[in-house]
């Protein structure tokens, strides 16, 4: 696993444009997601849509669930356990599951119930958020996959 991350990060560092793209994706796509989400909530409130409550509760429940798991498990991040330097500076510990990923997917799945086009755009953004967390070296693949599973599970209960 360490060799995989070393090779991946070295390849990214050898391509400055790719490195910039991944870093910007990791920083700014979550911002786009978290700007769209309150906009959707405002829209649902103004239109008195009955999806408002579930659109608030399910992403919130996903976020809280993952936050609790992270505190209990307190898994070290890839750069803490391996001889790698991440593309982004990040706090230590609490790697499992990825909170960025669960939030992006929870919001995307909520948007999918409201508008298919918006939902699909948000799913693409969620995938990009997930990939950027791995490519930056701040999460393991299992951190991201577990977050996606949690988001889908809570979205469909």
N, C-alpha and C. Protein backbone atom coordinates (compact mmCIF):
# COMPACT_ATOMS: atom_id res chain seq x y z
N UNK A 1 0.83 -1.20 0.00
CA UNK A 1 0.00 0.00 0.00
C UNK A 1 0.88 1.26 0.00
N UNK A 2 1.95 1.21 0.80
CA UNK A 2 2.83 2.38 0.87
C UNK A 2 3.44 2.70 -0.49
N UNK A 3 3.85 1.66 -1.19
CA UNK A 3 4.45 1.84 -2.52
C UNK A 3 3.44 2.46 -3.49
N UNK A 4 2.19 2.03 -3.39
CA UNK A 4 1.13 2.58 -4.23
C UNK A 4 1.00 4.09 -4.01
N UNK A 5 0.94 4.50 -2.76
CA UNK A 5 0.81 5.92 -2.44
C UNK A 5 2.06 6.70 -2.86
N UNK A 6 3.23 6.13 -2.62
CA UNK A 6 4.47 6.81 -3.03
C UNK A 6 4.49 7.03 -4.54
N UNK A 7 4.18 5.99 -5.29
CA UNK A 7 4.17 6.09 -6.76
C UNK A 7 3.11 7.08 -7.24
N UNK A 8 1.94 6.99 -6.65
CA UNK A 8 0.84 7.88 -7.05
C UNK A 8 1.21 9.34 -6.80
N UNK A 9 1.69 9.63 -5.60
CA UNK A 9 2.03 11.01 -5.26
C UNK A 9 3.21 11.52 -6.06
N UNK A 10 4.17 10.65 -6.34
CA UNK A 10 5.33 11.06 -7.16
C UNK A 10 4.89 11.37 -8.58
N UNK A 11 4.01 10.55 -9.12
CA UNK A 11 3.49 10.79 -10.47
C UNK A 11 2.75 12.13 -10.52
N UNK A 12 1.95 12.39 -9.52
CA UNK A 12 1.21 13.65 -9.47
C UNK A 12 2.17 14.83 -9.37
N UNK A 13 3.17 14.71 -8.52
CA UNK A 13 4.15 15.79 -8.35
C UNK A 13 4.96 16.03 -9.64
N UNK A 14 5.15 15.00 -10.43
CA UNK A 14 5.89 15.14 -11.69
C UNK A 14 5.08 15.85 -12.78
N UNK A 15 3.82 16.04 -12.55
CA UNK A 15 2.93 16.72 -13.51
C UNK A 15 2.29 17.92 -12.81
N UNK A 16 2.92 19.08 -12.88
CA UNK A 16 2.44 20.25 -12.12
C UNK A 16 0.98 20.63 -12.38
N UNK A 17 0.54 20.51 -13.63
CA UNK A 17 -0.86 20.84 -13.93
C UNK A 17 -1.81 19.86 -13.24
N UNK A 18 -1.47 18.58 -13.27
CA UNK A 18 -2.28 17.57 -12.60
C UNK A 18 -2.30 17.82 -11.09
N UNK A 19 -1.14 18.13 -10.53
CA UNK A 19 -1.05 18.42 -9.10
C UNK A 19 -1.95 19.60 -8.73
N UNK A 20 -1.89 20.65 -9.51
CA UNK A 20 -2.71 21.84 -9.26
C UNK A 20 -4.21 21.49 -9.35
N UNK A 21 -4.56 20.71 -10.37
CA UNK A 21 -5.95 20.31 -10.57
C UNK A 21 -6.47 19.50 -9.38
N UNK A 22 -5.67 18.57 -8.89
CA UNK A 22 -6.08 17.73 -7.76
C UNK A 22 -6.21 18.57 -6.49
N UNK A 23 -5.25 19.45 -6.24
CA UNK A 23 -5.31 20.29 -5.05
C UNK A 23 -6.51 21.22 -5.11
N UNK A 24 -6.74 21.86 -6.25
CA UNK A 24 -7.90 22.74 -6.38
C UNK A 24 -9.20 21.95 -6.23
N UNK A 25 -9.24 20.76 -6.81
CA UNK A 25 -10.45 19.92 -6.66
C UNK A 25 -10.71 19.60 -5.20
N UNK A 26 -9.65 19.27 -4.49
CA UNK A 26 -9.79 18.92 -3.08
C UNK A 26 -10.24 20.10 -2.23
N UNK A 27 -9.83 21.29 -2.62
CA UNK A 27 -10.18 22.49 -1.84
C UNK A 27 -11.53 23.08 -2.24
N UNK A 28 -11.80 23.15 -3.55
CA UNK A 28 -12.93 23.95 -4.01
C UNK A 28 -14.20 23.17 -4.36
N UNK A 29 -14.09 21.92 -4.76
CA UNK A 29 -15.32 21.17 -5.04
C UNK A 29 -16.16 20.99 -3.79
N UNK A 30 -15.57 20.70 -2.62
CA UNK A 30 -16.41 20.66 -1.41
C UNK A 30 -17.11 22.00 -1.14
N UNK A 31 -16.46 23.10 -1.45
CA UNK A 31 -17.10 24.41 -1.26
C UNK A 31 -18.31 24.56 -2.18
N UNK A 32 -18.16 24.13 -3.41
CA UNK A 32 -19.29 24.19 -4.35
C UNK A 32 -20.45 23.36 -3.80
N UNK A 33 -20.13 22.16 -3.34
CA UNK A 33 -21.16 21.27 -2.78
C UNK A 33 -21.87 21.93 -1.60
N UNK A 34 -21.09 22.55 -0.73
CA UNK A 34 -21.67 23.11 0.48
C UNK A 34 -22.30 24.48 0.26
N UNK A 35 -22.15 25.05 -0.93
CA UNK A 35 -22.91 26.24 -1.32
C UNK A 35 -24.24 25.81 -1.93
N UNK A 36 -24.20 24.77 -2.73
CA UNK A 36 -25.42 24.29 -3.39
C UNK A 36 -26.41 23.74 -2.36
N UNK A 37 -25.90 23.04 -1.35
CA UNK A 37 -26.78 22.41 -0.36
C UNK A 37 -27.72 23.41 0.33
N UNK A 38 -27.21 24.49 0.94
CA UNK A 38 -28.16 25.43 1.56
C UNK A 38 -29.08 26.10 0.54
N UNK A 39 -28.59 26.26 -0.68
CA UNK A 39 -29.44 26.84 -1.73
C UNK A 39 -30.62 25.91 -2.01
N UNK A 40 -30.36 24.62 -2.06
CA UNK A 40 -31.42 23.63 -2.25
C UNK A 40 -32.39 23.66 -1.07
N UNK A 41 -31.87 23.76 0.14
CA UNK A 41 -32.73 23.82 1.33
C UNK A 41 -33.63 25.06 1.30
N UNK A 42 -33.07 26.18 0.90
CA UNK A 42 -33.86 27.42 0.79
C UNK A 42 -34.95 27.25 -0.26
N UNK A 43 -34.59 26.66 -1.39
CA UNK A 43 -35.56 26.40 -2.45
C UNK A 43 -36.70 25.52 -1.93
N UNK A 44 -36.36 24.44 -1.23
CA UNK A 44 -37.38 23.53 -0.69
C UNK A 44 -38.26 24.24 0.34
N UNK A 45 -37.67 25.09 1.13
CA UNK A 45 -38.44 25.84 2.14
C UNK A 45 -39.42 26.81 1.47
N UNK A 46 -38.92 27.55 0.50
CA UNK A 46 -39.75 28.55 -0.20
C UNK A 46 -40.90 27.87 -0.94
N UNK A 47 -40.62 26.74 -1.56
CA UNK A 47 -41.64 26.04 -2.34
C UNK A 47 -42.50 25.11 -1.47
N UNK A 48 -42.21 25.10 -0.17
CA UNK A 48 -42.94 24.26 0.78
C UNK A 48 -42.95 22.78 0.35
N UNK A 49 -41.81 22.34 -0.12
CA UNK A 49 -41.66 20.97 -0.61
C UNK A 49 -41.55 20.01 0.58
N UNK A 50 -42.25 18.88 0.48
CA UNK A 50 -42.23 17.91 1.59
C UNK A 50 -40.91 17.15 1.72
N UNK A 51 -39.96 17.36 0.81
CA UNK A 51 -38.64 16.73 0.90
C UNK A 51 -37.68 17.51 1.81
N UNK A 52 -38.11 18.67 2.27
CA UNK A 52 -37.22 19.52 3.08
C UNK A 52 -36.68 18.79 4.30
N UNK A 53 -37.55 18.18 5.06
CA UNK A 53 -37.12 17.53 6.31
C UNK A 53 -36.12 16.40 6.06
N UNK A 54 -36.40 15.53 5.11
CA UNK A 54 -35.46 14.43 4.84
C UNK A 54 -34.16 14.95 4.23
N UNK A 55 -34.23 16.05 3.49
CA UNK A 55 -33.03 16.64 2.90
C UNK A 55 -32.14 17.28 3.97
N UNK A 56 -32.71 17.60 5.10
CA UNK A 56 -31.93 18.10 6.23
C UNK A 56 -31.45 16.92 7.09
N UNK A 57 -32.35 16.01 7.41
CA UNK A 57 -32.06 14.94 8.37
C UNK A 57 -31.04 13.93 7.86
N UNK A 58 -31.21 13.45 6.64
CA UNK A 58 -30.33 12.37 6.16
C UNK A 58 -28.86 12.80 6.01
N UNK A 59 -28.57 13.93 5.37
CA UNK A 59 -27.15 14.35 5.35
C UNK A 59 -26.61 14.65 6.76
N UNK A 60 -27.45 15.21 7.61
CA UNK A 60 -27.01 15.49 8.98
C UNK A 60 -26.70 14.19 9.73
N UNK A 61 -27.56 13.21 9.57
CA UNK A 61 -27.35 11.92 10.22
C UNK A 61 -26.07 11.24 9.70
N UNK A 62 -25.83 11.33 8.41
CA UNK A 62 -24.60 10.78 7.83
C UNK A 62 -23.37 11.46 8.42
N UNK A 63 -23.42 12.78 8.48
CA UNK A 63 -22.30 13.56 9.01
C UNK A 63 -22.03 13.21 10.48
N UNK A 64 -23.08 13.15 11.26
CA UNK A 64 -22.94 12.83 12.70
C UNK A 64 -22.42 11.40 12.89
N UNK A 65 -22.96 10.48 12.13
CA UNK A 65 -22.53 9.08 12.22
C UNK A 65 -21.03 8.95 11.94
N UNK A 66 -20.59 9.55 10.86
CA UNK A 66 -19.18 9.48 10.48
C UNK A 66 -18.30 10.20 11.52
N UNK A 67 -18.76 11.32 12.02
CA UNK A 67 -18.00 12.06 13.03
C UNK A 67 -17.80 11.20 14.28
N UNK A 68 -18.83 10.48 14.69
CA UNK A 68 -18.72 9.60 15.87
C UNK A 68 -17.75 8.45 15.58
N UNK A 69 -17.91 7.80 14.41
CA UNK A 69 -16.98 6.72 14.04
C UNK A 69 -15.53 7.20 14.06
N UNK A 70 -15.30 8.38 13.51
CA UNK A 70 -13.94 8.91 13.43
C UNK A 70 -13.34 9.12 14.82
N UNK A 71 -14.15 9.62 15.74
CA UNK A 71 -13.66 9.85 17.11
C UNK A 71 -13.34 8.53 17.80
N UNK A 72 -14.21 7.54 17.61
CA UNK A 72 -14.02 6.24 18.26
C UNK A 72 -12.83 5.50 17.66
N UNK A 73 -12.77 5.42 16.35
CA UNK A 73 -11.74 4.63 15.67
C UNK A 73 -10.39 5.37 15.65
N UNK A 74 -10.42 6.65 15.40
CA UNK A 74 -9.23 7.51 15.36
C UNK A 74 -8.09 6.90 14.55
N UNK A 75 -8.42 6.47 13.35
CA UNK A 75 -7.43 5.87 12.45
C UNK A 75 -6.44 6.93 11.96
N UNK A 76 -5.20 6.57 11.93
CA UNK A 76 -4.18 7.48 11.42
C UNK A 76 -4.34 7.62 9.91
N UNK A 77 -3.94 8.77 9.41
CA UNK A 77 -4.02 9.04 7.98
C UNK A 77 -2.84 8.38 7.26
N UNK A 78 -2.97 8.18 5.95
CA UNK A 78 -1.90 7.50 5.21
C UNK A 78 -0.52 8.12 5.43
N UNK A 79 -0.45 9.43 5.43
CA UNK A 79 0.86 10.09 5.58
C UNK A 79 1.42 9.95 7.00
N UNK A 80 0.59 9.58 7.97
CA UNK A 80 1.07 9.37 9.33
C UNK A 80 1.65 7.96 9.49
N UNK A 81 1.14 7.01 8.74
CA UNK A 81 1.56 5.61 8.87
C UNK A 81 2.61 5.22 7.84
N UNK A 82 2.66 5.94 6.74
CA UNK A 82 3.57 5.58 5.66
C UNK A 82 4.59 6.70 5.44
N UNK A 83 5.59 6.38 4.69
CA UNK A 83 6.63 7.34 4.37
C UNK A 83 6.21 8.14 3.13
N UNK A 84 5.17 8.96 3.29
CA UNK A 84 4.69 9.78 2.17
C UNK A 84 4.43 11.20 2.66
N UNK A 85 4.46 12.14 1.73
CA UNK A 85 4.14 13.53 2.04
C UNK A 85 2.87 13.87 1.26
N UNK A 86 1.78 14.21 1.97
CA UNK A 86 0.53 14.50 1.26
C UNK A 86 0.63 15.78 0.45
N UNK A 87 -0.28 15.93 -0.50
CA UNK A 87 -0.31 17.15 -1.31
C UNK A 87 -0.86 18.32 -0.51
N UNK A 88 -1.66 18.02 0.51
CA UNK A 88 -2.26 19.05 1.35
C UNK A 88 -1.85 18.84 2.79
N UNK A 89 -1.70 19.91 3.51
CA UNK A 89 -1.52 19.75 4.95
C UNK A 89 -2.89 19.46 5.55
N UNK A 90 -2.89 18.62 6.56
CA UNK A 90 -4.16 18.17 7.11
C UNK A 90 -3.96 17.79 8.55
N UNK A 91 -5.03 17.88 9.35
CA UNK A 91 -4.90 17.46 10.74
C UNK A 91 -4.64 15.96 10.82
N UNK A 92 -4.10 15.54 11.92
CA UNK A 92 -3.77 14.13 12.04
C UNK A 92 -4.94 13.34 12.64
N UNK A 93 -4.91 12.04 12.40
CA UNK A 93 -5.92 11.14 12.95
C UNK A 93 -7.29 11.31 12.31
N UNK A 94 -8.23 10.52 12.82
CA UNK A 94 -9.64 10.57 12.40
C UNK A 94 -9.82 10.46 10.88
N UNK A 95 -9.13 9.50 10.31
CA UNK A 95 -9.19 9.31 8.87
C UNK A 95 -10.41 8.50 8.42
N UNK A 96 -10.85 7.58 9.27
CA UNK A 96 -11.88 6.61 8.86
C UNK A 96 -13.21 6.89 9.54
N UNK A 97 -14.26 7.03 8.75
CA UNK A 97 -14.44 7.22 7.31
C UNK A 97 -14.23 8.69 6.93
N UNK A 98 -14.20 8.95 5.64
CA UNK A 98 -13.99 10.31 5.13
C UNK A 98 -15.25 11.14 5.29
N UNK A 99 -15.12 12.22 6.05
CA UNK A 99 -16.27 13.10 6.28
C UNK A 99 -16.59 13.92 5.03
N UNK A 100 -15.56 14.34 4.28
CA UNK A 100 -15.81 15.06 3.03
C UNK A 100 -16.64 14.19 2.08
N UNK A 101 -16.25 12.92 1.99
CA UNK A 101 -16.93 12.00 1.08
C UNK A 101 -18.36 11.75 1.50
N UNK A 102 -18.59 11.44 2.77
CA UNK A 102 -19.95 11.15 3.22
C UNK A 102 -20.85 12.37 3.04
N UNK A 103 -20.31 13.54 3.31
CA UNK A 103 -21.11 14.76 3.14
C UNK A 103 -21.46 14.99 1.68
N UNK A 104 -20.47 14.86 0.80
CA UNK A 104 -20.72 15.10 -0.63
C UNK A 104 -21.73 14.09 -1.19
N UNK A 105 -21.59 12.82 -0.82
CA UNK A 105 -22.53 11.81 -1.32
C UNK A 105 -23.91 11.95 -0.70
N UNK A 106 -23.98 12.28 0.57
CA UNK A 106 -25.29 12.47 1.21
C UNK A 106 -26.06 13.62 0.57
N UNK A 107 -25.35 14.70 0.32
CA UNK A 107 -25.98 15.85 -0.33
C UNK A 107 -26.38 15.49 -1.76
N UNK A 108 -25.51 14.80 -2.48
CA UNK A 108 -25.82 14.40 -3.86
C UNK A 108 -27.05 13.50 -3.92
N UNK A 109 -27.13 12.54 -3.01
CA UNK A 109 -28.28 11.62 -3.00
C UNK A 109 -29.56 12.35 -2.63
N UNK A 110 -29.47 13.33 -1.75
CA UNK A 110 -30.64 14.15 -1.41
C UNK A 110 -31.07 14.97 -2.62
N UNK A 111 -30.10 15.54 -3.33
CA UNK A 111 -30.41 16.33 -4.53
C UNK A 111 -31.01 15.48 -5.64
N UNK A 112 -30.59 14.23 -5.70
CA UNK A 112 -31.10 13.31 -6.72
C UNK A 112 -32.61 13.12 -6.60
N UNK A 113 -33.11 13.16 -5.36
CA UNK A 113 -34.56 13.01 -5.14
C UNK A 113 -35.33 14.26 -5.53
N UNK A 114 -34.63 15.38 -5.57
CA UNK A 114 -35.27 16.66 -5.87
C UNK A 114 -35.27 16.94 -7.37
N UNK A 115 -34.11 16.72 -8.00
CA UNK A 115 -33.96 17.00 -9.42
C UNK A 115 -32.89 16.06 -9.98
N UNK A 116 -33.24 15.30 -10.98
CA UNK A 116 -32.33 14.28 -11.52
C UNK A 116 -31.06 14.89 -12.09
N UNK A 117 -31.16 16.00 -12.80
CA UNK A 117 -29.99 16.64 -13.39
C UNK A 117 -29.06 17.17 -12.29
N UNK A 118 -29.63 17.91 -11.35
CA UNK A 118 -28.84 18.43 -10.23
C UNK A 118 -28.21 17.28 -9.45
N UNK A 119 -28.98 16.24 -9.19
CA UNK A 119 -28.47 15.08 -8.46
C UNK A 119 -27.30 14.42 -9.15
N UNK A 120 -27.40 14.27 -10.47
CA UNK A 120 -26.30 13.66 -11.22
C UNK A 120 -25.04 14.53 -11.23
N UNK A 121 -25.24 15.84 -11.35
CA UNK A 121 -24.10 16.76 -11.27
C UNK A 121 -23.45 16.65 -9.89
N UNK A 122 -24.26 16.59 -8.86
CA UNK A 122 -23.74 16.49 -7.50
C UNK A 122 -23.04 15.15 -7.27
N UNK A 123 -23.54 14.08 -7.88
CA UNK A 123 -22.86 12.78 -7.77
C UNK A 123 -21.48 12.83 -8.43
N UNK A 124 -21.38 13.50 -9.56
CA UNK A 124 -20.08 13.65 -10.21
C UNK A 124 -19.13 14.43 -9.30
N UNK A 125 -19.64 15.50 -8.70
CA UNK A 125 -18.82 16.29 -7.76
C UNK A 125 -18.41 15.44 -6.56
N UNK A 126 -19.32 14.62 -6.06
CA UNK A 126 -19.01 13.75 -4.92
C UNK A 126 -17.91 12.75 -5.27
N UNK A 127 -17.97 12.20 -6.47
CA UNK A 127 -16.92 11.28 -6.92
C UNK A 127 -15.58 12.00 -6.99
N UNK A 128 -15.59 13.23 -7.50
CA UNK A 128 -14.36 14.02 -7.59
C UNK A 128 -13.81 14.35 -6.20
N UNK A 129 -14.69 14.66 -5.26
CA UNK A 129 -14.26 14.91 -3.88
C UNK A 129 -13.58 13.66 -3.34
N UNK A 130 -14.22 12.52 -3.52
CA UNK A 130 -13.69 11.25 -3.02
C UNK A 130 -12.32 10.94 -3.59
N UNK A 131 -12.21 11.05 -4.89
CA UNK A 131 -10.93 10.76 -5.55
C UNK A 131 -9.85 11.73 -5.10
N UNK A 132 -10.20 12.99 -4.95
CA UNK A 132 -9.20 13.98 -4.55
C UNK A 132 -8.66 13.71 -3.15
N UNK A 133 -9.49 13.17 -2.26
CA UNK A 133 -9.03 12.85 -0.90
C UNK A 133 -7.98 11.75 -0.92
N UNK A 134 -8.18 10.78 -1.79
CA UNK A 134 -7.20 9.69 -1.94
C UNK A 134 -5.94 10.20 -2.63
N UNK A 135 -6.13 10.93 -3.74
CA UNK A 135 -5.00 11.40 -4.53
C UNK A 135 -4.13 12.41 -3.78
N UNK A 136 -4.70 13.10 -2.83
CA UNK A 136 -3.91 14.03 -2.01
C UNK A 136 -3.14 13.32 -0.92
N UNK A 137 -3.48 12.07 -0.67
CA UNK A 137 -2.77 11.29 0.34
C UNK A 137 -3.29 11.50 1.75
N UNK A 138 -4.50 12.04 1.88
CA UNK A 138 -5.05 12.28 3.22
C UNK A 138 -6.06 11.22 3.66
N UNK A 139 -6.44 10.32 2.73
CA UNK A 139 -7.36 9.24 3.07
C UNK A 139 -6.96 7.95 2.36
N UNK A 140 -7.28 6.86 3.00
CA UNK A 140 -7.16 5.54 2.38
C UNK A 140 -8.38 5.31 1.50
N UNK A 141 -8.26 4.40 0.56
CA UNK A 141 -9.39 4.03 -0.28
C UNK A 141 -10.54 3.52 0.59
N UNK A 142 -10.22 2.75 1.62
CA UNK A 142 -11.27 2.21 2.50
C UNK A 142 -11.99 3.31 3.28
N UNK A 143 -11.33 4.42 3.57
CA UNK A 143 -11.99 5.56 4.22
C UNK A 143 -13.10 6.11 3.34
N UNK A 144 -12.78 6.21 2.07
CA UNK A 144 -13.71 6.77 1.10
C UNK A 144 -14.85 5.79 0.80
N UNK A 145 -14.52 4.54 0.58
CA UNK A 145 -15.56 3.54 0.26
C UNK A 145 -16.52 3.38 1.43
N UNK A 146 -16.00 3.34 2.64
CA UNK A 146 -16.90 3.20 3.80
C UNK A 146 -17.81 4.42 3.93
N UNK A 147 -17.30 5.59 3.63
CA UNK A 147 -18.13 6.80 3.69
C UNK A 147 -19.25 6.75 2.65
N UNK A 148 -18.93 6.26 1.46
CA UNK A 148 -19.94 6.14 0.40
C UNK A 148 -21.03 5.15 0.82
N UNK A 149 -20.63 4.03 1.40
CA UNK A 149 -21.59 3.02 1.87
C UNK A 149 -22.50 3.61 2.94
N UNK A 150 -21.93 4.34 3.87
CA UNK A 150 -22.73 4.98 4.94
C UNK A 150 -23.72 5.96 4.33
N UNK A 151 -23.27 6.78 3.39
CA UNK A 151 -24.16 7.76 2.76
C UNK A 151 -25.32 7.07 2.05
N UNK A 152 -25.03 6.01 1.29
CA UNK A 152 -26.09 5.28 0.59
C UNK A 152 -27.04 4.59 1.58
N UNK A 153 -26.49 3.99 2.61
CA UNK A 153 -27.31 3.30 3.60
C UNK A 153 -28.29 4.28 4.25
N UNK A 154 -27.79 5.40 4.70
CA UNK A 154 -28.66 6.36 5.39
C UNK A 154 -29.64 7.00 4.40
N UNK A 155 -29.22 7.22 3.17
CA UNK A 155 -30.12 7.81 2.16
C UNK A 155 -31.31 6.91 1.86
N UNK A 156 -31.11 5.59 1.95
CA UNK A 156 -32.17 4.67 1.56
C UNK A 156 -32.94 4.05 2.72
N UNK A 157 -32.64 4.48 3.96
CA UNK A 157 -33.45 3.99 5.09
C UNK A 157 -34.62 4.91 5.31
